[in-house]
Amino acid sequence: MRLDHRASLIQPRVGVPSWNAKIVAACFSSDNQRLAVVTADREVLMYDEKGERVDKFVTKANNSGPKTYIVRGMQFSPDPLDAKLAIAQSDNAVFVYKWTRRHAEMKE
């Protein structure tokens, strides 16, 4: 088996504690057109098929208290036309986020 390095998507962040910049989970959409990466500071970064970041958002807590939860995992829905991203958290919550390229374009 031969593996080739294609790109480095996330560079080390200056001034951010190393524990907070760790990657907690990553997953590809079923059509391999999107990659979602979540960091220890609960920020979800979305990349397109070219490796370009197209969106980012912060997950929300299950309650209105302090953000003490951690992200345990995430998974895209199997239907690429109905792109949903499920995120499981340690505060006993699973949130489903709907994401479309149009949403990302509207934010720019």
Protein backbone atom coordinates (compact mmCIF):
# COMPACT_ATOMS: atom_id res chain seq x y z
CA MET A 1 0.00 0.00 0.00
CA ARG A 2 1.26 3.45 -0.89
CA LEU A 3 -0.10 6.62 0.66
CA ASP A 4 0.51 10.09 -0.68
CA HIS A 5 0.22 13.26 1.38
CA ARG A 6 -2.24 15.56 -0.42
CA ALA A 7 -2.49 18.61 1.82
CA SER A 8 -2.39 19.91 5.36
CA LEU A 9 -5.80 21.39 6.06
CA ILE A 10 -5.31 22.61 9.61
CA GLN A 11 -2.14 24.35 10.66
CA PRO A 12 -1.07 24.73 14.31
CA ARG A 13 -2.70 27.80 15.83
CA VAL A 14 -0.43 30.34 17.50
CA GLY A 15 -1.55 31.41 20.96
CA VAL A 16 -4.04 28.55 21.38
CA PRO A 17 -3.31 26.01 24.12
CA SER A 18 -2.33 22.68 22.58
CA TRP A 19 -5.16 20.81 24.35
CA ASN A 20 -7.70 23.19 22.83
CA ALA A 21 -6.42 22.80 19.26
CA LYS A 22 -6.63 19.01 19.19
CA ILE A 23 -8.77 17.28 16.60
CA VAL A 24 -11.56 15.33 18.28
CA ALA A 25 -13.24 13.80 15.22
CA ALA A 26 -13.31 13.94 11.43
CA CYS A 27 -15.61 12.41 8.83
CA PHE A 28 -16.21 12.50 5.09
CA SER A 29 -19.66 12.82 3.55
CA SER A 30 -20.93 9.75 1.70
CA ASP A 31 -20.14 11.33 -1.68
CA ASN A 32 -16.63 12.40 -0.52
CA GLN A 33 -17.42 16.02 -1.40
CA ARG A 34 -17.23 17.34 2.17
CA LEU A 35 -15.00 16.80 5.18
CA ALA A 36 -16.05 17.86 8.66
CA VAL A 37 -13.45 18.25 11.40
CA VAL A 38 -14.21 19.15 15.01
CA THR A 39 -11.63 20.48 17.46
CA ALA A 40 -11.47 20.22 21.24
CA ASP A 41 -12.82 23.77 21.51
CA ARG A 42 -16.06 22.49 19.86
CA GLU A 43 -15.51 24.27 16.54
CA VAL A 44 -16.63 22.39 13.42
CA LEU A 45 -14.64 23.15 10.26
CA MET A 46 -16.13 22.18 6.90
CA TYR A 47 -13.97 21.56 3.84
CA ASP A 48 -14.90 20.95 0.22
CA GLU A 49 -13.50 18.31 -2.14
CA LYS A 50 -10.51 20.56 -2.95
CA GLY A 51 -9.54 20.87 0.71
CA GLU A 52 -10.68 24.49 0.97
CA ARG A 53 -12.45 25.54 4.14
CA VAL A 54 -15.97 26.61 3.22
CA ASP A 55 -17.63 27.01 6.60
CA LYS A 56 -17.16 26.83 10.35
CA PHE A 57 -19.47 26.91 13.32
CA VAL A 58 -19.40 26.23 17.05
CA THR A 59 -21.54 23.46 18.49
CA LYS A 60 -24.09 24.28 21.15
CA ALA A 61 -24.57 22.93 24.65
CA ASN A 62 -27.53 20.80 25.68
CA ASN A 63 -28.50 23.42 28.26
CA SER A 64 -27.88 27.08 28.87
CA GLY A 65 -25.14 26.44 31.43
CA PRO A 66 -21.40 26.57 30.89
CA LYS A 67 -19.88 24.72 27.98
CA THR A 68 -18.26 21.83 29.80
CA TYR A 69 -19.15 19.10 27.28
CA ILE A 70 -16.85 17.51 24.75
CA VAL A 71 -17.70 16.21 21.31
CA ARG A 72 -17.62 12.41 21.24
CA GLY A 73 -18.19 11.81 17.54
CA MET A 74 -19.92 12.92 14.37
CA GLN A 75 -21.28 11.42 11.17
CA PHE A 76 -22.81 12.67 7.93
CA SER A 77 -26.15 11.31 6.80
CA PRO A 78 -25.85 8.74 3.99
CA ASP A 79 -27.81 10.85 1.46
CA PRO A 80 -25.44 13.44 -0.09
CA LEU A 81 -28.39 15.54 -1.35
CA ASP A 82 -29.71 15.95 2.18
CA ALA A 83 -26.45 16.78 3.95
CA LYS A 84 -27.00 16.47 7.67
CA LEU A 85 -24.26 16.18 10.24
CA ALA A 86 -25.00 14.45 13.56
CA ILE A 87 -22.76 15.45 16.46
CA ALA A 88 -22.75 13.42 19.70
CA GLN A 89 -21.68 15.19 22.87
CA SER A 90 -20.78 14.19 26.42
CA ASP A 91 -23.72 16.23 27.81
CA ASN A 92 -26.07 13.46 26.60
CA ALA A 93 -27.08 15.31 23.47
CA VAL A 94 -26.96 14.54 19.77
CA PHE A 95 -27.55 17.56 17.57
CA VAL A 96 -28.26 17.29 13.86
CA TYR A 97 -27.08 20.19 11.72
CA LYS A 98 -28.20 20.67 8.13
CA TRP A 99 -25.48 22.00 5.87
CA THR A 100 -25.60 23.01 2.23
CA ARG A 101 -23.10 24.74 -0.02
CA ARG A 102 -25.65 27.51 -0.49
CA HIS A 103 -25.61 28.10 3.30
CA ALA A 104 -21.85 28.56 3.21
CA GLU A 105 -22.05 30.89 0.21
CA MET A 106 -24.68 33.04 1.94
CA LYS A 107 -22.33 33.53 4.92
CA GLU A 108 -19.52 34.93 2.75
